[in-house]
N, C-alpha and C. Protein backbone atom coordinates (compact mmCIF):
# COMPACT_ATOMS: atom_id res chain seq x y z
N UNK A 1 -38.30 -19.87 -32.71
CA UNK A 1 -37.75 -20.26 -31.42
C UNK A 1 -36.22 -20.21 -31.43
N UNK A 2 -35.65 -20.69 -32.55
CA UNK A 2 -34.18 -20.69 -32.66
C UNK A 2 -33.64 -19.26 -32.63
N UNK A 3 -34.38 -18.33 -33.23
CA UNK A 3 -33.98 -16.92 -33.25
C UNK A 3 -33.89 -16.38 -31.82
N UNK A 4 -34.86 -16.73 -30.99
CA UNK A 4 -34.85 -16.28 -29.59
C UNK A 4 -33.70 -16.90 -28.80
N UNK A 5 -33.39 -18.16 -29.09
CA UNK A 5 -32.29 -18.83 -28.41
C UNK A 5 -30.95 -18.15 -28.76
N UNK A 6 -30.81 -17.75 -30.00
CA UNK A 6 -29.59 -17.06 -30.45
C UNK A 6 -29.46 -15.72 -29.72
N UNK A 7 -30.54 -15.00 -29.63
CA UNK A 7 -30.54 -13.72 -28.91
C UNK A 7 -30.24 -13.93 -27.43
N UNK A 8 -30.84 -14.95 -26.84
CA UNK A 8 -30.62 -15.26 -25.43
C UNK A 8 -29.14 -15.61 -25.19
N UNK A 9 -28.53 -16.42 -26.06
CA UNK A 9 -27.12 -16.77 -25.92
C UNK A 9 -26.24 -15.52 -25.98
N UNK A 10 -26.52 -14.65 -26.93
CA UNK A 10 -25.73 -13.40 -27.06
C UNK A 10 -25.90 -12.53 -25.81
N UNK A 11 -27.13 -12.46 -25.32
CA UNK A 11 -27.40 -11.67 -24.12
C UNK A 11 -26.63 -12.24 -22.92
N UNK A 12 -26.61 -13.54 -22.78
CA UNK A 12 -25.88 -14.19 -21.69
C UNK A 12 -24.38 -13.90 -21.82
N UNK A 13 -23.84 -13.96 -23.02
CA UNK A 13 -22.42 -13.66 -23.24
C UNK A 13 -22.11 -12.21 -22.87
N UNK A 14 -22.96 -11.28 -23.32
CA UNK A 14 -22.74 -9.85 -23.01
C UNK A 14 -22.80 -9.61 -21.50
N UNK A 15 -23.81 -10.19 -20.84
CA UNK A 15 -23.94 -10.03 -19.38
C UNK A 15 -22.72 -10.64 -18.69
N UNK A 16 -22.28 -11.80 -19.14
CA UNK A 16 -21.10 -12.44 -18.57
C UNK A 16 -19.86 -11.57 -18.70
N UNK A 17 -19.66 -10.99 -19.87
CA UNK A 17 -18.50 -10.11 -20.08
C UNK A 17 -18.57 -8.88 -19.19
N UNK A 18 -19.75 -8.31 -19.06
CA UNK A 18 -19.91 -7.13 -18.19
C UNK A 18 -19.58 -7.50 -16.75
N UNK A 19 -20.06 -8.65 -16.30
CA UNK A 19 -19.78 -9.08 -14.93
C UNK A 19 -18.28 -9.30 -14.71
N UNK A 20 -17.61 -9.89 -15.68
CA UNK A 20 -16.17 -10.11 -15.56
C UNK A 20 -15.43 -8.78 -15.40
N UNK A 21 -15.88 -7.77 -16.09
CA UNK A 21 -15.21 -6.47 -16.05
C UNK A 21 -15.50 -5.71 -14.76
N UNK A 22 -16.72 -5.81 -14.21
CA UNK A 22 -17.10 -4.94 -13.08
C UNK A 22 -17.06 -5.59 -11.71
N UNK A 23 -17.05 -6.91 -11.62
CA UNK A 23 -17.02 -7.56 -10.30
C UNK A 23 -15.60 -7.58 -9.77
N UNK A 24 -15.36 -7.03 -8.58
CA UNK A 24 -14.01 -7.03 -8.02
C UNK A 24 -13.52 -8.45 -7.73
N UNK A 25 -12.22 -8.65 -7.91
CA UNK A 25 -11.61 -9.93 -7.56
C UNK A 25 -10.20 -9.65 -7.04
N UNK A 26 -9.76 -10.41 -6.09
CA UNK A 26 -8.43 -10.24 -5.53
C UNK A 26 -8.27 -8.93 -4.78
N UNK A 27 -7.17 -8.84 -4.04
CA UNK A 27 -6.88 -7.62 -3.27
C UNK A 27 -5.68 -6.91 -3.87
N UNK A 28 -5.70 -5.59 -3.77
CA UNK A 28 -4.55 -4.79 -4.17
C UNK A 28 -4.25 -3.79 -3.06
N UNK A 29 -3.01 -3.37 -3.02
CA UNK A 29 -2.63 -2.22 -2.21
C UNK A 29 -2.72 -1.05 -3.17
N UNK A 30 -3.78 -0.27 -3.02
CA UNK A 30 -4.05 0.83 -3.95
C UNK A 30 -3.38 2.10 -3.47
N UNK A 31 -2.79 2.82 -4.40
CA UNK A 31 -2.20 4.13 -4.12
C UNK A 31 -3.12 5.15 -4.75
N UNK A 32 -3.75 5.97 -3.90
CA UNK A 32 -4.70 6.98 -4.37
C UNK A 32 -4.11 8.36 -4.17
N UNK A 33 -4.50 9.27 -5.05
CA UNK A 33 -4.07 10.66 -4.92
C UNK A 33 -4.85 11.32 -3.81
N UNK A 34 -4.15 11.67 -2.76
CA UNK A 34 -4.73 12.30 -1.57
C UNK A 34 -5.98 11.51 -1.16
N UNK A 35 -7.06 12.18 -0.80
CA UNK A 35 -8.26 11.43 -0.38
C UNK A 35 -9.32 11.43 -1.47
N UNK A 36 -8.88 11.52 -2.72
CA UNK A 36 -9.81 11.57 -3.85
C UNK A 36 -10.45 10.23 -4.16
N UNK A 37 -9.81 9.13 -3.74
CA UNK A 37 -10.28 7.81 -4.09
C UNK A 37 -9.84 7.39 -5.49
N UNK A 38 -9.18 8.29 -6.24
CA UNK A 38 -8.71 7.99 -7.59
C UNK A 38 -7.42 7.18 -7.49
N UNK A 39 -7.50 5.91 -7.88
CA UNK A 39 -6.34 5.02 -7.82
C UNK A 39 -5.39 5.39 -8.96
N UNK A 40 -4.14 5.71 -8.59
CA UNK A 40 -3.15 6.08 -9.60
C UNK A 40 -2.12 4.98 -9.82
N UNK A 41 -2.04 4.05 -8.88
CA UNK A 41 -1.16 2.89 -9.03
C UNK A 41 -1.61 1.84 -8.02
N UNK A 42 -1.22 0.61 -8.26
CA UNK A 42 -1.58 -0.46 -7.33
C UNK A 42 -0.60 -1.61 -7.47
N UNK A 43 -0.61 -2.46 -6.46
CA UNK A 43 0.17 -3.69 -6.51
C UNK A 43 -0.70 -4.80 -5.94
N UNK A 44 -0.69 -5.97 -6.59
CA UNK A 44 -1.47 -7.11 -6.10
C UNK A 44 -0.86 -7.59 -4.79
N UNK A 45 -1.73 -7.92 -3.83
CA UNK A 45 -1.27 -8.42 -2.53
C UNK A 45 -2.16 -9.57 -2.08
N UNK A 46 -1.59 -10.41 -1.25
CA UNK A 46 -2.34 -11.50 -0.63
C UNK A 46 -2.54 -11.17 0.83
N UNK A 47 -3.45 -11.90 1.46
CA UNK A 47 -3.61 -11.78 2.91
C UNK A 47 -2.27 -12.10 3.56
N UNK A 48 -1.93 -11.37 4.59
CA UNK A 48 -0.66 -11.50 5.31
C UNK A 48 0.55 -11.04 4.52
N UNK A 49 0.34 -10.39 3.38
CA UNK A 49 1.48 -9.82 2.63
C UNK A 49 2.16 -8.78 3.51
N UNK A 50 3.47 -8.69 3.38
CA UNK A 50 4.25 -7.70 4.12
C UNK A 50 4.85 -6.71 3.14
N UNK A 51 4.90 -5.44 3.56
CA UNK A 51 5.54 -4.42 2.75
C UNK A 51 6.18 -3.40 3.68
N UNK A 52 7.02 -2.57 3.10
CA UNK A 52 7.75 -1.56 3.88
C UNK A 52 7.59 -0.20 3.21
N UNK A 53 7.65 0.83 4.02
CA UNK A 53 7.81 2.19 3.52
C UNK A 53 9.12 2.67 4.10
N UNK A 54 10.02 3.04 3.22
CA UNK A 54 11.35 3.50 3.65
C UNK A 54 11.53 4.94 3.20
N UNK A 55 12.16 5.74 4.05
CA UNK A 55 12.40 7.14 3.71
C UNK A 55 13.56 7.68 4.54
N UNK A 56 14.01 8.85 4.16
CA UNK A 56 15.03 9.56 4.92
C UNK A 56 14.32 10.63 5.75
N UNK A 57 14.55 10.62 7.06
CA UNK A 57 13.88 11.57 7.94
C UNK A 57 14.30 12.99 7.60
N UNK A 58 13.34 13.90 7.54
CA UNK A 58 13.61 15.27 7.08
C UNK A 58 14.43 16.10 8.04
N UNK A 59 14.43 15.76 9.32
CA UNK A 59 15.17 16.57 10.30
C UNK A 59 16.58 16.03 10.50
N UNK A 60 16.69 14.75 10.83
CA UNK A 60 18.03 14.23 11.14
C UNK A 60 18.68 13.47 10.00
N UNK A 61 18.02 13.41 8.84
CA UNK A 61 18.59 12.88 7.60
C UNK A 61 19.14 11.46 7.73
N UNK A 62 18.45 10.62 8.48
CA UNK A 62 18.83 9.22 8.63
C UNK A 62 17.69 8.34 8.14
N UNK A 63 17.99 7.10 7.75
CA UNK A 63 16.95 6.22 7.21
C UNK A 63 15.94 5.75 8.25
N UNK A 64 14.70 5.63 7.81
CA UNK A 64 13.61 5.10 8.63
C UNK A 64 12.91 4.04 7.77
N UNK A 65 12.58 2.92 8.39
CA UNK A 65 11.87 1.85 7.66
C UNK A 65 10.70 1.38 8.50
N UNK A 66 9.50 1.53 7.95
CA UNK A 66 8.28 1.08 8.61
C UNK A 66 7.85 -0.22 7.94
N UNK A 67 7.51 -1.23 8.75
CA UNK A 67 7.10 -2.53 8.23
C UNK A 67 5.63 -2.75 8.53
N UNK A 68 4.90 -3.22 7.53
CA UNK A 68 3.46 -3.43 7.64
C UNK A 68 3.09 -4.82 7.12
N UNK A 69 1.94 -5.31 7.56
CA UNK A 69 1.35 -6.51 6.97
C UNK A 69 -0.13 -6.23 6.75
N UNK A 70 -0.74 -7.05 5.93
CA UNK A 70 -2.17 -6.92 5.65
C UNK A 70 -2.88 -8.05 6.39
N UNK A 71 -3.88 -7.70 7.18
CA UNK A 71 -4.59 -8.74 7.94
C UNK A 71 -5.81 -9.25 7.17
N UNK A 72 -6.52 -10.21 7.77
CA UNK A 72 -7.66 -10.84 7.11
C UNK A 72 -8.83 -9.89 6.90
N UNK A 73 -8.84 -8.75 7.61
CA UNK A 73 -9.92 -7.76 7.45
C UNK A 73 -9.56 -6.66 6.46
N UNK A 74 -8.50 -6.88 5.67
CA UNK A 74 -8.03 -5.89 4.69
C UNK A 74 -7.56 -4.61 5.36
N UNK A 75 -7.06 -4.73 6.59
CA UNK A 75 -6.49 -3.58 7.29
C UNK A 75 -4.98 -3.65 7.19
N UNK A 76 -4.35 -2.50 7.36
CA UNK A 76 -2.90 -2.41 7.34
C UNK A 76 -2.42 -2.39 8.77
N UNK A 77 -1.51 -3.30 9.11
CA UNK A 77 -1.02 -3.43 10.49
C UNK A 77 0.47 -3.11 10.51
N UNK A 78 0.83 -2.07 11.27
CA UNK A 78 2.26 -1.78 11.42
C UNK A 78 2.83 -2.77 12.42
N UNK A 79 3.91 -3.46 12.02
CA UNK A 79 4.50 -4.50 12.86
C UNK A 79 5.89 -4.14 13.37
N UNK A 80 6.56 -3.19 12.71
CA UNK A 80 7.92 -2.85 13.12
C UNK A 80 8.30 -1.46 12.62
N UNK A 81 9.21 -0.83 13.35
CA UNK A 81 9.77 0.46 12.97
C UNK A 81 11.27 0.37 13.22
N UNK A 82 12.07 0.77 12.23
CA UNK A 82 13.53 0.77 12.36
C UNK A 82 14.05 2.17 12.04
N UNK A 83 14.98 2.67 12.88
CA UNK A 83 15.53 4.01 12.68
C UNK A 83 16.89 4.10 13.36
N UNK A 84 17.62 5.15 13.04
CA UNK A 84 18.99 5.27 13.53
C UNK A 84 19.21 6.43 14.49
N UNK A 85 18.17 7.23 14.76
CA UNK A 85 18.39 8.43 15.55
C UNK A 85 17.14 8.74 16.39
N UNK A 86 17.36 9.12 17.65
CA UNK A 86 16.26 9.47 18.55
C UNK A 86 15.77 10.90 18.37
N UNK A 87 16.23 11.59 17.38
CA UNK A 87 15.91 13.01 17.23
C UNK A 87 14.40 13.23 17.08
N UNK A 88 14.06 14.47 16.84
CA UNK A 88 12.66 14.91 16.74
C UNK A 88 11.85 13.98 15.83
N UNK A 89 10.68 13.60 16.31
CA UNK A 89 9.76 12.81 15.52
C UNK A 89 9.92 11.31 15.62
N UNK A 90 10.90 10.84 16.36
CA UNK A 90 11.12 9.40 16.49
C UNK A 90 10.86 8.98 17.93
N UNK A 91 10.29 7.79 18.13
CA UNK A 91 10.01 7.34 19.49
C UNK A 91 11.29 6.99 20.25
N UNK A 92 11.25 7.16 21.55
CA UNK A 92 12.41 6.83 22.37
C UNK A 92 12.23 5.51 23.11
N UNK A 93 11.06 4.88 22.96
CA UNK A 93 10.83 3.61 23.62
C UNK A 93 9.60 2.93 23.02
N UNK A 94 9.39 1.68 23.38
CA UNK A 94 8.22 0.93 22.95
C UNK A 94 7.10 1.11 23.97
N UNK A 95 5.86 0.80 23.55
CA UNK A 95 4.73 0.88 24.47
C UNK A 95 3.99 -0.45 24.49
N UNK A 96 3.31 -0.73 25.59
CA UNK A 96 2.50 -1.94 25.69
C UNK A 96 3.33 -3.20 25.50
N UNK A 97 2.88 -4.05 24.58
CA UNK A 97 3.54 -5.33 24.30
C UNK A 97 4.71 -5.20 23.32
N UNK A 98 4.93 -4.00 22.82
CA UNK A 98 6.01 -3.80 21.86
C UNK A 98 7.37 -4.01 22.53
N UNK A 99 8.38 -4.28 21.70
CA UNK A 99 9.73 -4.48 22.22
C UNK A 99 10.68 -3.49 21.56
N UNK A 100 11.55 -2.89 22.39
CA UNK A 100 12.56 -1.95 21.90
C UNK A 100 13.91 -2.66 21.89
N UNK A 101 14.57 -2.66 20.73
CA UNK A 101 15.85 -3.37 20.59
C UNK A 101 16.82 -2.48 19.82
N UNK A 102 18.08 -2.50 20.23
CA UNK A 102 19.15 -1.82 19.48
C UNK A 102 20.06 -2.90 18.93
N UNK A 103 20.34 -2.84 17.62
CA UNK A 103 21.21 -3.82 17.00
C UNK A 103 22.05 -3.14 15.92
N UNK A 104 23.35 -3.21 16.07
CA UNK A 104 24.29 -2.66 15.09
C UNK A 104 24.00 -1.19 14.75
N UNK A 105 23.67 -0.40 15.76
CA UNK A 105 23.45 1.03 15.55
C UNK A 105 22.07 1.41 15.04
N UNK A 106 21.19 0.42 14.90
CA UNK A 106 19.82 0.70 14.46
C UNK A 106 18.88 0.35 15.60
N UNK A 107 17.90 1.22 15.83
CA UNK A 107 16.90 0.99 16.87
C UNK A 107 15.67 0.38 16.20
N UNK A 108 15.12 -0.62 16.85
CA UNK A 108 13.93 -1.31 16.33
C UNK A 108 12.84 -1.31 17.40
N UNK A 109 11.63 -1.05 16.96
CA UNK A 109 10.46 -1.32 17.78
C UNK A 109 9.74 -2.45 17.06
N UNK A 110 9.68 -3.61 17.73
CA UNK A 110 9.08 -4.80 17.13
C UNK A 110 7.82 -5.18 17.91
N UNK A 111 7.19 -6.22 17.44
CA UNK A 111 5.98 -6.72 18.09
C UNK A 111 4.87 -5.66 18.12
N UNK A 112 4.91 -4.79 17.13
CA UNK A 112 3.88 -3.75 17.04
C UNK A 112 2.60 -4.37 16.47
N UNK A 113 1.48 -3.81 16.83
CA UNK A 113 0.19 -4.25 16.32
C UNK A 113 -0.72 -3.04 16.16
N UNK A 114 -0.23 -2.08 15.41
CA UNK A 114 -0.99 -0.84 15.19
C UNK A 114 -1.79 -0.98 13.89
N UNK A 115 -3.12 -0.94 14.02
CA UNK A 115 -4.01 -1.25 12.91
C UNK A 115 -4.58 0.03 12.30
N UNK A 116 -4.52 0.10 10.96
CA UNK A 116 -4.99 1.28 10.24
C UNK A 116 -5.89 0.84 9.08
N UNK A 117 -6.97 1.58 8.82
CA UNK A 117 -7.78 1.28 7.64
C UNK A 117 -7.05 1.70 6.35
N UNK A 118 -6.16 2.68 6.47
CA UNK A 118 -5.34 3.18 5.36
C UNK A 118 -4.18 3.95 5.96
N UNK A 119 -3.20 4.27 5.11
CA UNK A 119 -2.04 5.07 5.54
C UNK A 119 -1.91 6.24 4.59
N UNK A 120 -1.81 7.43 5.13
CA UNK A 120 -1.53 8.62 4.33
C UNK A 120 -0.04 8.91 4.42
N UNK A 121 0.59 9.17 3.28
CA UNK A 121 2.02 9.45 3.22
C UNK A 121 2.24 10.73 2.44
N UNK A 122 2.86 11.73 3.08
CA UNK A 122 3.24 12.94 2.37
C UNK A 122 4.60 12.70 1.74
N UNK A 123 4.69 12.90 0.44
CA UNK A 123 5.92 12.63 -0.29
C UNK A 123 6.87 13.81 -0.10
N UNK A 124 8.03 13.53 0.45
CA UNK A 124 9.00 14.58 0.77
C UNK A 124 9.45 15.34 -0.46
N UNK A 125 9.73 16.63 -0.26
CA UNK A 125 10.12 17.49 -1.37
C UNK A 125 11.62 17.51 -1.62
N UNK A 126 12.41 17.20 -0.61
CA UNK A 126 13.84 17.40 -0.78
C UNK A 126 14.62 16.08 -0.68
N UNK A 127 14.66 15.48 0.50
CA UNK A 127 15.53 14.32 0.68
C UNK A 127 14.82 13.04 1.09
N UNK A 128 13.53 13.06 1.25
CA UNK A 128 12.84 11.92 1.87
C UNK A 128 12.94 10.62 1.07
N UNK A 129 12.80 10.70 -0.24
CA UNK A 129 12.86 9.50 -1.09
C UNK A 129 11.95 8.39 -0.59
N UNK A 130 10.69 8.70 -0.32
CA UNK A 130 9.73 7.68 0.13
C UNK A 130 9.66 6.55 -0.90
N UNK A 131 9.84 5.33 -0.41
CA UNK A 131 9.89 4.17 -1.30
C UNK A 131 9.02 3.06 -0.72
N UNK A 132 8.21 2.46 -1.58
CA UNK A 132 7.42 1.30 -1.22
C UNK A 132 8.24 0.07 -1.57
N UNK A 133 8.38 -0.85 -0.62
CA UNK A 133 9.16 -2.08 -0.85
C UNK A 133 8.24 -3.27 -0.61
N UNK A 134 8.17 -4.15 -1.60
CA UNK A 134 7.35 -5.36 -1.50
C UNK A 134 8.13 -6.48 -2.19
N UNK A 135 8.36 -7.57 -1.46
CA UNK A 135 9.11 -8.71 -2.01
C UNK A 135 10.47 -8.28 -2.59
N UNK A 136 11.16 -7.41 -1.89
CA UNK A 136 12.47 -6.89 -2.28
C UNK A 136 12.46 -6.02 -3.53
N UNK A 137 11.28 -5.72 -4.09
CA UNK A 137 11.16 -4.78 -5.19
C UNK A 137 10.90 -3.40 -4.60
N UNK A 138 11.57 -2.40 -5.15
CA UNK A 138 11.43 -1.03 -4.64
C UNK A 138 10.74 -0.15 -5.67
N UNK A 139 9.83 0.70 -5.18
CA UNK A 139 9.11 1.63 -6.03
C UNK A 139 9.12 3.01 -5.38
N UNK A 140 9.90 3.97 -5.92
CA UNK A 140 9.90 5.33 -5.38
C UNK A 140 8.53 5.98 -5.58
N UNK A 141 7.93 6.43 -4.50
CA UNK A 141 6.56 6.96 -4.58
C UNK A 141 6.48 8.29 -5.30
N UNK A 142 7.62 8.98 -5.46
CA UNK A 142 7.57 10.24 -6.22
C UNK A 142 7.44 9.98 -7.72
N UNK A 143 7.35 8.72 -8.13
CA UNK A 143 7.09 8.40 -9.54
C UNK A 143 5.61 8.50 -9.89
N UNK A 144 4.74 8.52 -8.86
CA UNK A 144 3.30 8.61 -9.15
C UNK A 144 2.69 9.94 -8.75
N UNK A 145 3.34 10.70 -7.88
CA UNK A 145 2.85 12.03 -7.50
C UNK A 145 4.04 12.97 -7.32
N UNK A 146 3.74 14.24 -7.40
CA UNK A 146 4.77 15.25 -7.22
C UNK A 146 5.21 15.32 -5.75
N UNK A 147 6.49 15.52 -5.51
CA UNK A 147 6.95 15.74 -4.13
C UNK A 147 6.18 16.91 -3.50
N UNK A 148 5.81 16.75 -2.22
CA UNK A 148 5.03 17.76 -1.52
C UNK A 148 3.55 17.41 -1.46
N UNK A 149 3.09 16.54 -2.36
CA UNK A 149 1.69 16.10 -2.29
C UNK A 149 1.63 14.84 -1.44
N UNK A 150 0.44 14.30 -1.27
CA UNK A 150 0.34 13.09 -0.46
C UNK A 150 -0.51 12.04 -1.14
N UNK A 151 -0.27 10.81 -0.68
CA UNK A 151 -0.99 9.67 -1.23
C UNK A 151 -1.64 8.90 -0.09
N UNK A 152 -2.58 8.07 -0.45
CA UNK A 152 -3.24 7.19 0.51
C UNK A 152 -3.01 5.74 0.04
N UNK A 153 -2.50 4.92 0.95
CA UNK A 153 -2.34 3.49 0.70
C UNK A 153 -3.48 2.76 1.38
N UNK A 154 -4.18 1.94 0.61
CA UNK A 154 -5.34 1.24 1.17
C UNK A 154 -5.50 -0.11 0.48
N UNK A 155 -5.83 -1.13 1.25
CA UNK A 155 -6.10 -2.46 0.68
C UNK A 155 -7.56 -2.48 0.25
N UNK A 156 -7.78 -2.90 -0.99
CA UNK A 156 -9.15 -2.93 -1.49
C UNK A 156 -9.26 -3.94 -2.63
N UNK A 157 -10.48 -4.43 -2.87
CA UNK A 157 -10.68 -5.27 -4.06
C UNK A 157 -10.67 -4.38 -5.29
N UNK A 158 -10.35 -4.95 -6.43
CA UNK A 158 -10.31 -4.15 -7.65
C UNK A 158 -10.82 -4.99 -8.81
N UNK A 159 -11.68 -4.40 -9.62
CA UNK A 159 -12.20 -5.13 -10.78
C UNK A 159 -11.30 -4.92 -12.00
N UNK A 160 -11.60 -5.63 -13.06
CA UNK A 160 -10.78 -5.58 -14.27
C UNK A 160 -10.74 -4.17 -14.86
N UNK A 161 -11.88 -3.50 -14.87
CA UNK A 161 -11.92 -2.14 -15.42
C UNK A 161 -11.00 -1.20 -14.64
N UNK A 162 -11.03 -1.27 -13.31
CA UNK A 162 -10.15 -0.44 -12.49
C UNK A 162 -8.69 -0.80 -12.73
N UNK A 163 -8.40 -2.08 -12.87
CA UNK A 163 -7.02 -2.51 -13.11
C UNK A 163 -6.52 -1.98 -14.44
N UNK A 164 -7.38 -1.94 -15.43
CA UNK A 164 -6.97 -1.41 -16.73
C UNK A 164 -6.71 0.09 -16.69
N UNK A 165 -7.41 0.82 -15.81
CA UNK A 165 -7.24 2.27 -15.70
C UNK A 165 -6.02 2.65 -14.87
N UNK A 166 -5.64 1.80 -13.89
CA UNK A 166 -4.52 2.12 -12.99
C UNK A 166 -3.22 1.58 -13.53
N UNK A 167 -2.14 1.96 -12.88
CA UNK A 167 -0.81 1.47 -13.25
C UNK A 167 -0.37 0.45 -12.22
N UNK A 168 -0.19 -0.80 -12.67
CA UNK A 168 0.29 -1.82 -11.75
C UNK A 168 1.79 -1.69 -11.59
N UNK A 169 2.24 -1.68 -10.34
CA UNK A 169 3.67 -1.67 -10.08
C UNK A 169 4.10 -3.06 -9.67
N UNK A 170 5.30 -3.40 -9.94
CA UNK A 170 5.85 -4.74 -9.68
C UNK A 170 5.09 -5.80 -10.45
N UNK A 171 4.40 -5.46 -11.53
CA UNK A 171 3.58 -6.41 -12.25
C UNK A 171 4.28 -7.09 -13.40
């Protein structure tokens, strides 16, 4: 009987360890290579976490900053857009409940509530310098993929095994 109890204890320990490794816990903002689903980097995030994507616009060569938050449904919500030039590719006004404001030479669209399940970002080849900003920490996205390729940002749970395979940024 004692022999069986020893085997049972070992089996429980092994099953427990397997569960710890494979059961997802916590949320991350995962950076995947294109739409492959292969996570190449991630950052831990909480509900209502805010982050920014900052880049230099390819046509008018001025800074653009997009502000996002994560909602309770693990969706990415764009809340603000800041830019310095109305040139090609930039909005000239706000829509719906959004507010358009000019302050110190920068145009802002605030009160945005644009909800996305994920965001695809093409990494600029020449001057874009796409950068992820979270809690004042900056991470140039061309450190994880070659310029000219694209990444997908998505909020998802991640287990220990996935965390060990990916590269945590700001960790």
